[in-house]
Amino acid sequence: MECVSTDTLVRPDTTTDETTDDDTPKFFHYVKKNKIAESAVMGTHVVALCGEVFPVTRSAKPGSPVCPECKKVYDGLRKE
């Protein structure tokens, strides 16, 4: 995970790297919003708040399950 900078924190978008046998994601991760398009187009990897590293292949829909570790980190950032 990158060091926290003085940039304004915004809610990260969610994306996934984990799938089930039927190609349905187990859960989605929070990642920096500005990295999603670059990853989707260029195939570069993103780093989720939980530390997972993967290329973006899908985007979350409302109600999608969220990685518990990403949510924990995100909730901690919001309180600061």
PDB file of N, CA and C in Angstrom:
ATOM      1  N   MET A   1       0.838  -1.171   0.000  1.00  0.00           N
ATOM      2  CA  MET A   1       0.000   0.000   0.000  1.00  0.00           C
ATOM      3  C   MET A   1       0.881   1.232   0.000  1.00  0.00           C
ATOM      4  N   GLU A   2       0.516   2.229  -0.772  1.00  0.00           N
ATOM      5  CA  GLU A   2       1.292   3.452  -0.841  1.00  0.00           C
ATOM      6  C   GLU A   2       1.132   4.220   0.464  1.00  0.00           C
ATOM      7  N   CYS A   3       2.094   5.080   0.757  1.00  0.00           N
ATOM      8  CA  CYS A   3       2.012   5.919   1.939  1.00  0.00           C
ATOM      9  C   CYS A   3       0.890   6.920   1.767  1.00  0.00           C
ATOM     10  N   VAL A   4       0.247   7.271   2.877  1.00  0.00           N
ATOM     11  CA  VAL A   4      -0.814   8.271   2.839  1.00  0.00           C
ATOM     12  C   VAL A   4      -0.159   9.627   2.613  1.00  0.00           C
ATOM     13  N   SER A   5      -0.683  10.372   1.653  1.00  0.00           N
ATOM     14  CA  SER A   5      -0.112  11.679   1.354  1.00  0.00           C
ATOM     15  C   SER A   5      -1.053  12.767   1.852  1.00  0.00           C
ATOM     16  N   THR A   6      -0.760  13.995   1.510  1.00  0.00           N
ATOM     17  CA  THR A   6      -1.604  15.105   1.919  1.00  0.00           C
ATOM     18  C   THR A   6      -2.770  15.312   0.973  1.00  0.00           C
ATOM     19  N   ASP A   7      -2.955  14.415  -0.002  1.00  0.00           N
ATOM     20  CA  ASP A   7      -4.083  14.512  -0.922  1.00  0.00           C
ATOM     21  C   ASP A   7      -5.384  14.344  -0.151  1.00  0.00           C
ATOM     22  N   THR A   8      -6.434  14.947  -0.660  1.00  0.00           N
ATOM     23  CA  THR A   8      -7.744  14.786  -0.067  1.00  0.00           C
ATOM     24  C   THR A   8      -8.194  13.343  -0.247  1.00  0.00           C
ATOM     25  N   LEU A   9      -8.656  12.742   0.822  1.00  0.00           N
ATOM     26  CA  LEU A   9      -9.124  11.364   0.745  1.00  0.00           C
ATOM     27  C   LEU A   9     -10.555  11.336   0.241  1.00  0.00           C
ATOM     28  N   VAL A  10     -10.801  10.519  -0.741  1.00  0.00           N
ATOM     29  CA  VAL A  10     -12.159  10.319  -1.243  1.00  0.00           C
ATOM     30  C   VAL A  10     -12.448   8.835  -1.171  1.00  0.00           C
ATOM     31  N   ARG A  11     -13.718   8.502  -1.127  1.00  0.00           N
ATOM     32  CA  ARG A  11     -14.062   7.083  -1.065  1.00  0.00           C
ATOM     33  C   ARG A  11     -13.543   6.393  -2.310  1.00  0.00           C
ATOM     34  N   PRO A  12     -12.733   5.368  -2.140  1.00  0.00           N
ATOM     35  CA  PRO A  12     -12.225   4.651  -3.306  1.00  0.00           C
ATOM     36  C   PRO A  12     -13.337   3.863  -3.985  1.00  0.00           C
ATOM     37  N   ASP A  13     -13.178   3.638  -5.253  1.00  0.00           N
ATOM     38  CA  ASP A  13     -14.094   2.762  -5.963  1.00  0.00           C
ATOM     39  C   ASP A  13     -13.750   1.327  -5.599  1.00  0.00           C
ATOM     40  N   THR A  14     -14.641   0.438  -5.937  1.00  0.00           N
ATOM     41  CA  THR A  14     -14.372  -0.958  -5.647  1.00  0.00           C
ATOM     42  C   THR A  14     -14.156  -1.731  -6.922  1.00  0.00           C
ATOM     43  N   THR A  15     -13.310  -2.724  -6.846  1.00  0.00           N
ATOM     44  CA  THR A  15     -13.040  -3.615  -7.956  1.00  0.00           C
ATOM     45  C   THR A  15     -12.586  -4.938  -7.369  1.00  0.00           C
ATOM     46  N   THR A  16     -12.401  -5.933  -8.159  1.00  0.00           N
ATOM     47  CA  THR A  16     -12.103  -7.248  -7.605  1.00  0.00           C
ATOM     48  C   THR A  16     -10.953  -7.956  -8.304  1.00  0.00           C
ATOM     49  N   ASP A  17     -10.388  -8.890  -7.587  1.00  0.00           N
ATOM     50  CA  ASP A  17      -9.406  -9.792  -8.175  1.00  0.00           C
ATOM     51  C   ASP A  17      -9.745 -11.232  -7.831  1.00  0.00           C
ATOM     52  N   GLU A  18     -10.772 -11.458  -7.060  1.00  0.00           N
ATOM     53  CA  GLU A  18     -11.088 -12.807  -6.611  1.00  0.00           C
ATOM     54  C   GLU A  18     -12.404 -13.259  -7.215  1.00  0.00           C
ATOM     55  N   THR A  19     -12.412 -14.445  -7.778  1.00  0.00           N
ATOM     56  CA  THR A  19     -13.625 -14.960  -8.403  1.00  0.00           C
ATOM     57  C   THR A  19     -13.938 -16.353  -7.887  1.00  0.00           C
ATOM     58  N   THR A  20     -15.192 -16.731  -8.060  1.00  0.00           N
ATOM     59  CA  THR A  20     -15.608 -18.081  -7.714  1.00  0.00           C
ATOM     60  C   THR A  20     -15.568 -18.918  -8.976  1.00  0.00           C
ATOM     61  N   ASP A  21     -15.945 -20.178  -8.893  1.00  0.00           N
ATOM     62  CA  ASP A  21     -15.919 -21.066 -10.055  1.00  0.00           C
ATOM     63  C   ASP A  21     -16.815 -20.582 -11.187  1.00  0.00           C
ATOM     64  N   ASP A  22     -17.889 -19.871 -10.860  1.00  0.00           N
ATOM     65  CA  ASP A  22     -18.790 -19.385 -11.918  1.00  0.00           C
ATOM     66  C   ASP A  22     -18.426 -17.982 -12.378  1.00  0.00           C
ATOM     67  N   ASP A  23     -17.195 -17.528 -12.085  1.00  0.00           N
ATOM     68  CA  ASP A  23     -16.674 -16.228 -12.506  1.00  0.00           C
ATOM     69  C   ASP A  23     -17.364 -15.057 -11.808  1.00  0.00           C
ATOM     70  N   THR A  24     -18.052 -15.324 -10.700  1.00  0.00           N
ATOM     71  CA  THR A  24     -18.663 -14.265  -9.899  1.00  0.00           C
ATOM     72  C   THR A  24     -17.680 -13.893  -8.796  1.00  0.00           C
ATOM     73  N   PRO A  25     -17.397 -12.602  -8.613  1.00  0.00           N
ATOM     74  CA  PRO A  25     -16.440 -12.206  -7.572  1.00  0.00           C
ATOM     75  C   PRO A  25     -16.908 -12.608  -6.179  1.00  0.00           C
ATOM     76  N   LYS A  26     -15.964 -13.030  -5.336  1.00  0.00           N
ATOM     77  CA  LYS A  26     -16.281 -13.303  -3.934  1.00  0.00           C
ATOM     78  C   LYS A  26     -16.597 -11.990  -3.237  1.00  0.00           C
ATOM     79  N   PHE A  27     -15.738 -10.999  -3.454  1.00  0.00           N
ATOM     80  CA  PHE A  27     -15.973  -9.655  -2.937  1.00  0.00           C
ATOM     81  C   PHE A  27     -15.108  -8.665  -3.695  1.00  0.00           C
ATOM     82  N   PHE A  28     -15.432  -7.410  -3.533  1.00  0.00           N
ATOM     83  CA  PHE A  28     -14.735  -6.336  -4.226  1.00  0.00           C
ATOM     84  C   PHE A  28     -13.840  -5.584  -3.259  1.00  0.00           C
ATOM     85  N   HIS A  29     -12.764  -5.020  -3.799  1.00  0.00           N
ATOM     86  CA  HIS A  29     -11.786  -4.280  -3.000  1.00  0.00           C
ATOM     87  C   HIS A  29     -11.908  -2.785  -3.258  1.00  0.00           C
ATOM     88  N   TYR A  30     -11.523  -1.989  -2.249  1.00  0.00           N
ATOM     89  CA  TYR A  30     -11.414  -0.542  -2.426  1.00  0.00           C
ATOM     90  C   TYR A  30     -10.040  -0.242  -3.020  1.00  0.00           C
ATOM     91  N   VAL A  31     -10.024   0.558  -4.090  1.00  0.00           N
ATOM     92  CA  VAL A  31      -8.774   1.001  -4.705  1.00  0.00           C
ATOM     93  C   VAL A  31      -8.891   2.485  -5.027  1.00  0.00           C
ATOM     94  N   LYS A  32      -7.758   3.136  -5.291  1.00  0.00           N
ATOM     95  CA  LYS A  32      -7.787   4.553  -5.632  1.00  0.00           C
ATOM     96  C   LYS A  32      -8.505   4.744  -6.959  1.00  0.00           C
ATOM     97  N   LYS A  33      -9.458   5.650  -6.947  1.00  0.00           N
ATOM     98  CA  LYS A  33     -10.321   5.892  -8.099  1.00  0.00           C
ATOM     99  C   LYS A  33      -9.522   6.225  -9.357  1.00  0.00           C
ATOM    100  N   ASN A  34      -8.479   7.041  -9.223  1.00  0.00           N
ATOM    101  CA  ASN A  34      -7.722   7.474 -10.396  1.00  0.00           C
ATOM    102  C   ASN A  34      -6.877   6.362 -11.010  1.00  0.00           C
ATOM    103  N   LYS A  35      -6.751   5.229 -10.348  1.00  0.00           N
ATOM    104  CA  LYS A  35      -5.958   4.115 -10.872  1.00  0.00           C
ATOM    105  C   LYS A  35      -6.796   3.096 -11.633  1.00  0.00           C
ATOM    106  N   ILE A  36      -8.121   3.138 -11.470  1.00  0.00           N
ATOM    107  CA  ILE A  36      -8.992   2.118 -12.060  1.00  0.00           C
ATOM    108  C   ILE A  36      -8.960   2.148 -13.587  1.00  0.00           C
ATOM    109  N   ALA A  37      -9.183   3.311 -14.184  1.00  0.00           N
ATOM    110  CA  ALA A  37      -9.218   3.407 -15.649  1.00  0.00           C
ATOM    111  C   ALA A  37      -7.864   3.020 -16.247  1.00  0.00           C
ATOM    112  N   GLU A  38      -6.792   3.500 -15.641  1.00  0.00           N
ATOM    113  CA  GLU A  38      -5.447   3.169 -16.130  1.00  0.00           C
ATOM    114  C   GLU A  38      -5.242   1.653 -16.120  1.00  0.00           C
ATOM    115  N   SER A  39      -5.643   1.010 -15.041  1.00  0.00           N
ATOM    116  CA  SER A  39      -5.487  -0.436 -14.943  1.00  0.00           C
ATOM    117  C   SER A  39      -6.343  -1.162 -15.970  1.00  0.00           C
ATOM    118  N   ALA A  40      -7.582  -0.716 -16.139  1.00  0.00           N
ATOM    119  CA  ALA A  40      -8.488  -1.371 -17.076  1.00  0.00           C
ATOM    120  C   ALA A  40      -7.981  -1.249 -18.517  1.00  0.00           C
ATOM    121  N   VAL A  41      -7.415  -0.108 -18.853  1.00  0.00           N
ATOM    122  CA  VAL A  41      -6.953   0.131 -20.226  1.00  0.00           C
ATOM    123  C   VAL A  41      -5.554  -0.428 -20.459  1.00  0.00           C
ATOM    124  N   MET A  42      -4.649  -0.156 -19.552  1.00  0.00           N
ATOM    125  CA  MET A  42      -3.245  -0.523 -19.738  1.00  0.00           C
ATOM    126  C   MET A  42      -2.878  -1.889 -19.154  1.00  0.00           C
ATOM    127  N   GLY A  43      -3.731  -2.424 -18.308  1.00  0.00           N
ATOM    128  CA  GLY A  43      -3.434  -3.706 -17.685  1.00  0.00           C
ATOM    129  C   GLY A  43      -2.491  -3.610 -16.500  1.00  0.00           C
ATOM    130  N   THR A  44      -2.236  -2.387 -16.037  1.00  0.00           N
ATOM    131  CA  THR A  44      -1.373  -2.220 -14.874  1.00  0.00           C
ATOM    132  C   THR A  44      -2.098  -2.724 -13.631  1.00  0.00           C
ATOM    133  N   HIS A  45      -1.349  -2.999 -12.596  1.00  0.00           N
ATOM    134  CA  HIS A  45      -1.928  -3.488 -11.351  1.00  0.00           C
ATOM    135  C   HIS A  45      -2.279  -2.332 -10.424  1.00  0.00           C
ATOM    136  N   VAL A  46      -3.307  -2.536  -9.615  1.00  0.00           N
ATOM    137  CA  VAL A  46      -3.700  -1.577  -8.587  1.00  0.00           C
ATOM    138  C   VAL A  46      -3.423  -2.215  -7.234  1.00  0.00           C
ATOM    139  N   VAL A  47      -3.336  -1.367  -6.198  1.00  0.00           N
ATOM    140  CA  VAL A  47      -3.148  -1.851  -4.838  1.00  0.00           C
ATOM    141  C   VAL A  47      -4.399  -1.482  -4.048  1.00  0.00           C
ATOM    142  N   ALA A  48      -5.080  -2.483  -3.528  1.00  0.00           N
ATOM    143  CA  ALA A  48      -6.280  -2.260  -2.718  1.00  0.00           C
ATOM    144  C   ALA A  48      -5.868  -1.779  -1.329  1.00  0.00           C
ATOM    145  N   LEU A  49      -6.822  -1.221  -0.593  1.00  0.00           N
ATOM    146  CA  LEU A  49      -6.538  -0.758   0.760  1.00  0.00           C
ATOM    147  C   LEU A  49      -6.062  -1.890   1.662  1.00  0.00           C
ATOM    148  N   CYS A  50      -6.467  -3.112   1.370  1.00  0.00           N
ATOM    149  CA  CYS A  50      -6.053  -4.266   2.178  1.00  0.00           C
ATOM    150  C   CYS A  50      -4.670  -4.771   1.791  1.00  0.00           C
ATOM    151  N   GLY A  51      -4.111  -4.243   0.698  1.00  0.00           N
ATOM    152  CA  GLY A  51      -2.778  -4.658   0.267  1.00  0.00           C
ATOM    153  C   GLY A  51      -2.770  -5.604  -0.924  1.00  0.00           C
ATOM    154  N   GLU A  52      -3.928  -6.120  -1.329  1.00  0.00           N
ATOM    155  CA  GLU A  52      -3.993  -6.999  -2.506  1.00  0.00           C
ATOM    156  C   GLU A  52      -3.555  -6.222  -3.745  1.00  0.00           C
ATOM    157  N   VAL A  53      -2.829  -6.866  -4.635  1.00  0.00           N
ATOM    158  CA  VAL A  53      -2.350  -6.256  -5.874  1.00  0.00           C
ATOM    159  C   VAL A  53      -2.892  -7.075  -7.040  1.00  0.00           C
ATOM    160  N   PHE A  54      -3.538  -6.400  -8.008  1.00  0.00           N
ATOM    161  CA  PHE A  54      -4.169  -7.112  -9.119  1.00  0.00           C
ATOM    162  C   PHE A  54      -4.544  -6.125 -10.223  1.00  0.00           C
ATOM    163  N   PRO A  55      -4.764  -6.598 -11.446  1.00  0.00           N
ATOM    164  CA  PRO A  55      -5.269  -5.736 -12.517  1.00  0.00           C
ATOM    165  C   PRO A  55      -6.800  -5.631 -12.400  1.00  0.00           C
ATOM    166  N   VAL A  56      -7.345  -4.490 -12.759  1.00  0.00           N
ATOM    167  CA  VAL A  56      -8.795  -4.296 -12.711  1.00  0.00           C
ATOM    168  C   VAL A  56      -9.448  -5.041 -13.875  1.00  0.00           C
ATOM    169  N   THR A  57     -10.420  -5.874 -13.556  1.00  0.00           N
ATOM    170  CA  THR A  57     -11.133  -6.616 -14.591  1.00  0.00           C
ATOM    171  C   THR A  57     -12.642  -6.395 -14.522  1.00  0.00           C
ATOM    172  N   ARG A  58     -13.150  -5.912 -13.416  1.00  0.00           N
ATOM    173  CA  ARG A  58     -14.585  -5.684 -13.240  1.00  0.00           C
ATOM    174  C   ARG A  58     -14.808  -4.510 -12.302  1.00  0.00           C
ATOM    175  N   SER A  59     -16.038  -3.996 -12.322  1.00  0.00           N
ATOM    176  CA  SER A  59     -16.413  -2.969 -11.354  1.00  0.00           C
ATOM    177  C   SER A  59     -17.597  -3.474 -10.545  1.00  0.00           C
ATOM    178  N   ALA A  60     -17.706  -2.969  -9.336  1.00  0.00           N
ATOM    179  CA  ALA A  60     -18.760  -3.413  -8.428  1.00  0.00           C
ATOM    180  C   ALA A  60     -20.102  -2.803  -8.791  1.00  0.00           C
ATOM    181  N   LYS A  61     -21.146  -3.533  -8.482  1.00  0.00           N
ATOM    182  CA  LYS A  61     -22.508  -3.030  -8.625  1.00  0.00           C
ATOM    183  C   LYS A  61     -23.034  -2.760  -7.227  1.00  0.00           C
ATOM    184  N   PRO A  62     -24.018  -1.893  -7.076  1.00  0.00           N
ATOM    185  CA  PRO A  62     -24.574  -1.636  -5.744  1.00  0.00           C
ATOM    186  C   PRO A  62     -24.973  -2.947  -5.063  1.00  0.00           C
ATOM    187  N   GLY A  63     -24.607  -3.071  -3.801  1.00  0.00           N
ATOM    188  CA  GLY A  63     -24.927  -4.267  -3.047  1.00  0.00           C
ATOM    189  C   GLY A  63     -23.904  -5.372  -3.167  1.00  0.00           C
ATOM    190  N   SER A  64     -22.847  -5.163  -3.951  1.00  0.00           N
ATOM    191  CA  SER A  64     -21.804  -6.179  -4.084  1.00  0.00           C
ATOM    192  C   SER A  64     -21.067  -6.341  -2.759  1.00  0.00           C
ATOM    193  N   PRO A  65     -20.626  -7.552  -2.432  1.00  0.00           N
ATOM    194  CA  PRO A  65     -19.883  -7.763  -1.187  1.00  0.00           C
ATOM    195  C   PRO A  65     -18.516  -7.071  -1.252  1.00  0.00           C
ATOM    196  N   VAL A  66     -18.119  -6.451  -0.146  1.00  0.00           N
ATOM    197  CA  VAL A  66     -16.863  -5.711  -0.074  1.00  0.00           C
ATOM    198  C   VAL A  66     -15.883  -6.471   0.809  1.00  0.00           C
ATOM    199  N   CYS A  67     -14.623  -6.447   0.424  1.00  0.00           N
ATOM    200  CA  CYS A  67     -13.550  -7.067   1.202  1.00  0.00           C
ATOM    201  C   CYS A  67     -13.582  -6.523   2.635  1.00  0.00           C
ATOM    202  N   PRO A  68     -13.667  -7.391   3.628  1.00  0.00           N
ATOM    203  CA  PRO A  68     -13.731  -6.926   5.015  1.00  0.00           C
ATOM    204  C   PRO A  68     -12.496  -6.130   5.438  1.00  0.00           C
ATOM    205  N   GLU A  69     -11.317  -6.513   4.955  1.00  0.00           N
ATOM    206  CA  GLU A  69     -10.099  -5.778   5.307  1.00  0.00           C
ATOM    207  C   GLU A  69     -10.100  -4.372   4.685  1.00  0.00           C
ATOM    208  N   CYS A  70     -10.525  -4.270   3.413  1.00  0.00           N
ATOM    209  CA  CYS A  70     -10.601  -2.953   2.778  1.00  0.00           C
ATOM    210  C   CYS A  70     -11.581  -2.056   3.531  1.00  0.00           C
ATOM    211  N   LYS A  71     -12.730  -2.600   3.916  1.00  0.00           N
ATOM    212  CA  LYS A  71     -13.740  -1.826   4.633  1.00  0.00           C
ATOM    213  C   LYS A  71     -13.205  -1.343   5.968  1.00  0.00           C
ATOM    214  N   LYS A  72     -12.477  -2.210   6.670  1.00  0.00           N
ATOM    215  CA  LYS A  72     -11.896  -1.845   7.960  1.00  0.00           C
ATOM    216  C   LYS A  72     -10.915  -0.679   7.800  1.00  0.00           C
ATOM    217  N   VAL A  73     -10.033  -0.760   6.805  1.00  0.00           N
ATOM    218  CA  VAL A  73      -9.063   0.315   6.544  1.00  0.00           C
ATOM    219  C   VAL A  73      -9.793   1.603   6.140  1.00  0.00           C
ATOM    220  N   TYR A  74     -10.761   1.479   5.244  1.00  0.00           N
ATOM    221  CA  TYR A  74     -11.516   2.648   4.785  1.00  0.00           C
ATOM    222  C   TYR A  74     -12.240   3.323   5.942  1.00  0.00           C
ATOM    223  N   ASP A  75     -12.905   2.551   6.785  1.00  0.00           N
ATOM    224  CA  ASP A  75     -13.619   3.118   7.926  1.00  0.00           C
ATOM    225  C   ASP A  75     -12.657   3.836   8.869  1.00  0.00           C
ATOM    226  N   GLY A  76     -11.436   3.299   9.026  1.00  0.00           N
ATOM    227  CA  GLY A  76     -10.427   3.953   9.857  1.00  0.00           C
ATOM    228  C   GLY A  76      -9.952   5.260   9.259  1.00  0.00           C
ATOM    229  N   LEU A  77      -9.866   5.347   7.928  1.00  0.00           N
ATOM    230  CA  LEU A  77      -9.434   6.586   7.273  1.00  0.00           C
ATOM    231  C   LEU A  77     -10.486   7.678   7.427  1.00  0.00           C
ATOM    232  N   ARG A  78     -11.735   7.318   7.417  1.00  0.00           N
ATOM    233  CA  ARG A  78     -12.831   8.290   7.494  1.00  0.00           C
ATOM    234  C   ARG A  78     -12.853   8.991   8.847  1.00  0.00           C
ATOM    235  N   LYS A  79     -12.393   8.347   9.901  1.00  0.00           N
ATOM    236  CA  LYS A  79     -12.453   8.922  11.240  1.00  0.00           C
ATOM    237  C   LYS A  79     -11.349   9.936  11.492  1.00  0.00           C
ATOM    238  N   GLU A  80     -10.305   9.897  10.668  1.00  0.00           N
ATOM    239  CA  GLU A  80      -9.147  10.781  10.884  1.00  0.00           C
ATOM    240  C   GLU A  80      -9.382  12.167  10.386  1.00  0.00           C
TER     241      GLU A  80
END
